[in-house]
Amino acid sequence: MTVGLAVLPGVATMTEAFQALRAGASGLKLFPGEAIPPEVVKAWRAVLPKDAELYPVGGVTPERIAPYRRAGANGFGIGSALYKPGAGVTNVERAARAFVSAWNEAGS
């Protein structure tokens, strides 16, 4: 039964990526992002199907948005760089604005 949900399993190797895509994944969560830098994303793009969506997760900061986008990332998973326990609304808003600005400045 199709319910219109995206399936984005976490992968850290090309073997896992191809297995996930063969199993019907909508895209790939590249985790941990720190271990899969933009240079690796670019290399993966050269061999993965062109329509495979790639989402680095873990270690993504506003400064890393542009290099990842240039390498072929479709988007990002952001957690602790956006919110940490105890962070006030102002801090979360500031972090969110930094991510939005970095995304917009990076272009597509």
N, C-alpha and C. Protein backbone atom coordinates (compact mmCIF):
# COMPACT_ATOMS: atom_id res chain seq x y z
N MET A 1 0.85 -1.19 0.00
CA MET A 1 0.00 0.00 0.00
C MET A 1 0.88 1.24 0.00
N THR A 2 0.62 2.17 -0.89
CA THR A 2 1.36 3.42 -0.95
C THR A 2 0.58 4.47 -0.20
N VAL A 3 1.29 5.16 0.70
CA VAL A 3 0.62 6.20 1.49
C VAL A 3 1.24 7.57 1.28
N GLY A 4 2.15 7.69 0.33
CA GLY A 4 2.73 8.99 0.01
C GLY A 4 3.79 9.48 0.97
N LEU A 5 4.41 8.58 1.70
CA LEU A 5 5.47 8.97 2.62
C LEU A 5 6.84 8.77 2.01
N ALA A 6 7.75 9.64 2.34
CA ALA A 6 9.13 9.48 1.89
C ALA A 6 9.85 8.54 2.85
N VAL A 7 10.70 7.71 2.30
CA VAL A 7 11.51 6.79 3.10
C VAL A 7 12.97 7.17 2.88
N LEU A 8 13.64 7.61 3.95
CA LEU A 8 15.01 8.09 3.86
C LEU A 8 15.89 7.34 4.87
N PRO A 9 16.29 6.13 4.54
CA PRO A 9 17.12 5.37 5.48
C PRO A 9 18.52 5.98 5.60
N GLY A 10 19.11 5.81 6.76
CA GLY A 10 20.47 6.28 6.97
C GLY A 10 21.47 5.34 6.34
N VAL A 11 22.43 5.90 5.63
CA VAL A 11 23.49 5.10 5.01
C VAL A 11 24.83 5.78 5.27
N ALA A 12 25.87 4.96 5.31
CA ALA A 12 27.22 5.49 5.50
C ALA A 12 28.20 4.97 4.47
N THR A 13 27.74 4.04 3.61
CA THR A 13 28.61 3.47 2.58
C THR A 13 27.84 3.38 1.27
N MET A 14 28.58 3.24 0.19
CA MET A 14 27.94 3.07 -1.12
C MET A 14 27.14 1.77 -1.16
N THR A 15 27.65 0.72 -0.54
CA THR A 15 26.91 -0.55 -0.52
C THR A 15 25.55 -0.34 0.13
N GLU A 16 25.53 0.33 1.27
CA GLU A 16 24.25 0.60 1.94
C GLU A 16 23.35 1.48 1.07
N ALA A 17 23.95 2.46 0.39
CA ALA A 17 23.17 3.35 -0.46
C ALA A 17 22.48 2.58 -1.58
N PHE A 18 23.23 1.73 -2.29
CA PHE A 18 22.62 0.97 -3.37
C PHE A 18 21.58 -0.01 -2.85
N GLN A 19 21.83 -0.64 -1.73
CA GLN A 19 20.84 -1.56 -1.14
C GLN A 19 19.56 -0.82 -0.80
N ALA A 20 19.69 0.36 -0.19
CA ALA A 20 18.51 1.15 0.19
C ALA A 20 17.71 1.56 -1.04
N LEU A 21 18.39 2.00 -2.08
CA LEU A 21 17.69 2.41 -3.30
C LEU A 21 17.00 1.22 -3.96
N ARG A 22 17.68 0.06 -3.99
CA ARG A 22 17.05 -1.15 -4.56
C ARG A 22 15.82 -1.56 -3.77
N ALA A 23 15.84 -1.28 -2.46
CA ALA A 23 14.70 -1.64 -1.61
C ALA A 23 13.57 -0.62 -1.70
N GLY A 24 13.76 0.44 -2.47
CA GLY A 24 12.68 1.40 -2.69
C GLY A 24 12.80 2.70 -1.92
N ALA A 25 13.95 3.01 -1.36
CA ALA A 25 14.12 4.27 -0.62
C ALA A 25 13.82 5.46 -1.51
N SER A 26 13.19 6.47 -0.94
CA SER A 26 12.90 7.71 -1.66
C SER A 26 14.15 8.56 -1.80
N GLY A 27 15.03 8.45 -0.84
CA GLY A 27 16.27 9.21 -0.80
C GLY A 27 17.15 8.61 0.28
N LEU A 28 18.28 9.23 0.52
CA LEU A 28 19.25 8.68 1.45
C LEU A 28 19.66 9.72 2.49
N LYS A 29 19.60 9.33 3.75
CA LYS A 29 20.12 10.15 4.84
C LYS A 29 21.58 9.76 5.01
N LEU A 30 22.49 10.66 4.70
CA LEU A 30 23.92 10.39 4.80
C LEU A 30 24.36 10.65 6.23
N PHE A 31 24.60 9.59 6.98
CA PHE A 31 24.87 9.72 8.41
C PHE A 31 26.05 8.86 8.82
N PRO A 32 26.92 9.41 9.62
CA PRO A 32 26.97 10.80 10.10
C PRO A 32 27.60 11.72 9.06
N GLY A 33 27.04 12.91 8.94
CA GLY A 33 27.51 13.87 7.95
C GLY A 33 28.99 14.19 8.09
N GLU A 34 29.48 14.20 9.33
CA GLU A 34 30.90 14.50 9.54
C GLU A 34 31.80 13.49 8.82
N ALA A 35 31.33 12.27 8.67
CA ALA A 35 32.12 11.22 8.03
C ALA A 35 31.88 11.15 6.53
N ILE A 36 30.91 11.93 6.04
CA ILE A 36 30.59 11.94 4.61
C ILE A 36 30.63 13.41 4.16
N PRO A 37 31.83 13.96 4.04
CA PRO A 37 31.96 15.37 3.69
C PRO A 37 31.56 15.65 2.25
N PRO A 38 31.47 16.92 1.87
CA PRO A 38 31.06 17.28 0.51
C PRO A 38 31.84 16.57 -0.59
N GLU A 39 33.12 16.35 -0.39
CA GLU A 39 33.92 15.66 -1.42
C GLU A 39 33.41 14.24 -1.66
N VAL A 40 32.96 13.59 -0.61
CA VAL A 40 32.42 12.23 -0.74
C VAL A 40 31.04 12.29 -1.40
N VAL A 41 30.23 13.27 -1.03
CA VAL A 41 28.91 13.43 -1.66
C VAL A 41 29.09 13.60 -3.17
N LYS A 42 30.06 14.40 -3.57
CA LYS A 42 30.32 14.60 -5.00
C LYS A 42 30.71 13.29 -5.67
N ALA A 43 31.54 12.50 -5.02
CA ALA A 43 31.94 11.21 -5.58
C ALA A 43 30.75 10.26 -5.66
N TRP A 44 29.90 10.25 -4.66
CA TRP A 44 28.71 9.40 -4.68
C TRP A 44 27.79 9.81 -5.82
N ARG A 45 27.65 11.12 -6.02
CA ARG A 45 26.79 11.63 -7.09
C ARG A 45 27.21 11.07 -8.45
N ALA A 46 28.49 10.83 -8.63
CA ALA A 46 29.01 10.35 -9.91
C ALA A 46 28.54 8.94 -10.23
N VAL A 47 28.15 8.16 -9.22
CA VAL A 47 27.77 6.76 -9.46
C VAL A 47 26.34 6.42 -9.07
N LEU A 48 25.72 7.23 -8.25
CA LEU A 48 24.33 6.96 -7.87
C LEU A 48 23.38 7.39 -8.99
N PRO A 49 22.18 6.83 -9.02
CA PRO A 49 21.20 7.31 -10.00
C PRO A 49 21.00 8.82 -9.86
N LYS A 50 20.83 9.50 -10.97
CA LYS A 50 20.71 10.96 -10.96
C LYS A 50 19.55 11.47 -10.11
N ASP A 51 18.49 10.66 -9.99
CA ASP A 51 17.32 11.10 -9.22
C ASP A 51 17.39 10.74 -7.74
N ALA A 52 18.48 10.13 -7.30
CA ALA A 52 18.63 9.78 -5.89
C ALA A 52 18.82 11.06 -5.08
N GLU A 53 18.00 11.24 -4.07
CA GLU A 53 18.10 12.42 -3.22
C GLU A 53 19.03 12.13 -2.05
N LEU A 54 19.91 13.09 -1.74
CA LEU A 54 20.91 12.92 -0.70
C LEU A 54 20.75 14.01 0.36
N TYR A 55 20.68 13.57 1.63
CA TYR A 55 20.46 14.47 2.75
C TYR A 55 21.49 14.22 3.85
N PRO A 56 22.59 15.00 3.89
CA PRO A 56 23.53 14.86 4.99
C PRO A 56 22.86 15.20 6.33
N VAL A 57 23.16 14.40 7.34
CA VAL A 57 22.60 14.60 8.68
C VAL A 57 23.72 14.37 9.68
N GLY A 58 23.85 15.29 10.62
CA GLY A 58 24.88 15.16 11.65
C GLY A 58 26.09 16.01 11.31
N GLY A 59 26.31 17.03 12.09
CA GLY A 59 27.46 17.89 11.85
C GLY A 59 27.23 18.97 10.81
N VAL A 60 25.99 19.14 10.39
CA VAL A 60 25.69 20.16 9.40
C VAL A 60 25.58 21.51 10.11
N THR A 61 26.34 22.48 9.62
CA THR A 61 26.31 23.84 10.14
C THR A 61 26.02 24.78 8.98
N PRO A 62 25.65 26.02 9.26
CA PRO A 62 25.42 26.95 8.14
C PRO A 62 26.62 27.07 7.22
N GLU A 63 27.82 26.99 7.77
CA GLU A 63 29.03 27.12 6.95
C GLU A 63 29.21 25.95 5.99
N ARG A 64 28.60 24.83 6.29
CA ARG A 64 28.77 23.64 5.44
C ARG A 64 27.67 23.49 4.39
N ILE A 65 26.65 24.31 4.46
CA ILE A 65 25.53 24.21 3.51
C ILE A 65 26.00 24.37 2.07
N ALA A 66 26.70 25.46 1.77
CA ALA A 66 27.11 25.73 0.38
C ALA A 66 28.01 24.62 -0.19
N PRO A 67 29.04 24.17 0.53
CA PRO A 67 29.85 23.08 -0.03
C PRO A 67 29.04 21.82 -0.30
N TYR A 68 28.13 21.47 0.60
CA TYR A 68 27.29 20.29 0.38
C TYR A 68 26.37 20.49 -0.81
N ARG A 69 25.77 21.66 -0.94
CA ARG A 69 24.87 21.90 -2.09
C ARG A 69 25.64 21.84 -3.40
N ARG A 70 26.84 22.42 -3.43
CA ARG A 70 27.65 22.36 -4.65
C ARG A 70 28.01 20.91 -4.99
N ALA A 71 28.13 20.08 -3.97
CA ALA A 71 28.49 18.67 -4.19
C ALA A 71 27.29 17.83 -4.62
N GLY A 72 26.06 18.37 -4.45
CA GLY A 72 24.88 17.65 -4.90
C GLY A 72 23.88 17.26 -3.84
N ALA A 73 24.02 17.77 -2.61
CA ALA A 73 23.03 17.48 -1.58
C ALA A 73 21.71 18.16 -1.92
N ASN A 74 20.61 17.45 -1.64
CA ASN A 74 19.28 17.98 -1.90
C ASN A 74 18.70 18.73 -0.71
N GLY A 75 19.23 18.48 0.45
CA GLY A 75 18.73 19.10 1.68
C GLY A 75 19.54 18.57 2.85
N PHE A 76 19.07 18.82 4.06
CA PHE A 76 19.84 18.48 5.24
C PHE A 76 18.93 18.10 6.39
N GLY A 77 19.47 17.30 7.29
CA GLY A 77 18.84 17.04 8.57
C GLY A 77 19.62 17.81 9.61
N ILE A 78 18.92 18.64 10.37
CA ILE A 78 19.60 19.51 11.33
C ILE A 78 18.97 19.30 12.70
N GLY A 79 19.80 19.08 13.69
CA GLY A 79 19.31 18.87 15.05
C GLY A 79 20.00 19.78 16.03
N SER A 80 21.09 19.30 16.61
CA SER A 80 21.75 20.03 17.70
C SER A 80 22.36 21.35 17.26
N ALA A 81 22.62 21.53 15.98
CA ALA A 81 23.12 22.82 15.51
C ALA A 81 22.00 23.86 15.49
N LEU A 82 20.77 23.40 15.54
CA LEU A 82 19.62 24.29 15.56
C LEU A 82 19.08 24.48 16.97
N TYR A 83 19.04 23.39 17.72
CA TYR A 83 18.47 23.45 19.07
C TYR A 83 19.26 22.58 20.03
N LYS A 84 19.57 23.14 21.18
CA LYS A 84 20.17 22.40 22.28
C LYS A 84 19.27 22.59 23.49
N PRO A 85 19.12 21.57 24.33
CA PRO A 85 18.28 21.73 25.52
C PRO A 85 18.65 23.00 26.29
N GLY A 86 17.63 23.74 26.65
CA GLY A 86 17.83 24.98 27.39
C GLY A 86 17.99 26.21 26.52
N ALA A 87 18.14 26.02 25.21
CA ALA A 87 18.29 27.17 24.32
C ALA A 87 17.00 27.97 24.32
N GLY A 88 17.11 29.24 24.45
CA GLY A 88 15.93 30.11 24.41
C GLY A 88 15.44 30.32 23.00
N VAL A 89 14.25 30.88 22.91
CA VAL A 89 13.63 31.14 21.61
C VAL A 89 14.53 32.02 20.74
N THR A 90 15.15 33.01 21.33
CA THR A 90 16.02 33.91 20.57
C THR A 90 17.19 33.17 19.96
N ASN A 91 17.79 32.26 20.72
CA ASN A 91 18.92 31.49 20.19
C ASN A 91 18.50 30.55 19.07
N VAL A 92 17.35 29.92 19.23
CA VAL A 92 16.85 29.01 18.19
C VAL A 92 16.51 29.82 16.94
N GLU A 93 15.88 30.96 17.13
CA GLU A 93 15.54 31.81 15.98
C GLU A 93 16.81 32.26 15.25
N ARG A 94 17.82 32.66 15.98
CA ARG A 94 19.08 33.09 15.38
C ARG A 94 19.71 31.96 14.57
N ALA A 95 19.72 30.76 15.16
CA ALA A 95 20.29 29.60 14.45
C ALA A 95 19.48 29.28 13.21
N ALA A 96 18.15 29.30 13.32
CA ALA A 96 17.29 29.00 12.18
C ALA A 96 17.50 30.01 11.06
N ARG A 97 17.60 31.26 11.40
CA ARG A 97 17.83 32.29 10.38
C ARG A 97 19.18 32.09 9.69
N ALA A 98 20.18 31.67 10.45
CA ALA A 98 21.50 31.42 9.85
C ALA A 98 21.43 30.28 8.84
N PHE A 99 20.67 29.22 9.17
CA PHE A 99 20.52 28.10 8.24
C PHE A 99 19.75 28.53 6.99
N VAL A 100 18.67 29.26 7.16
CA VAL A 100 17.87 29.71 6.01
C VAL A 100 18.72 30.62 5.12
N SER A 101 19.46 31.53 5.73
CA SER A 101 20.31 32.42 4.95
C SER A 101 21.38 31.64 4.19
N ALA A 102 22.01 30.68 4.85
CA ALA A 102 23.04 29.87 4.19
C ALA A 102 22.44 29.09 3.03
N TRP A 103 21.25 28.53 3.22
CA TRP A 103 20.57 27.77 2.15
C TRP A 103 20.30 28.69 0.95
N ASN A 104 19.72 29.86 1.23
CA ASN A 104 19.39 30.78 0.15
C ASN A 104 20.62 31.29 -0.57
N GLU A 105 21.68 31.59 0.16
CA GLU A 105 22.91 32.09 -0.44
C GLU A 105 23.62 31.02 -1.28
N ALA A 106 23.43 29.76 -0.90
CA ALA A 106 24.10 28.66 -1.62
C ALA A 106 23.48 28.41 -2.98
N GLY A 107 22.24 28.84 -3.18
CA GLY A 107 21.56 28.62 -4.46
C GLY A 107 21.30 27.15 -4.68
N SER A 108 20.97 26.79 -5.91
CA SER A 108 20.68 25.38 -6.19
C SER A 108 21.65 24.81 -7.18
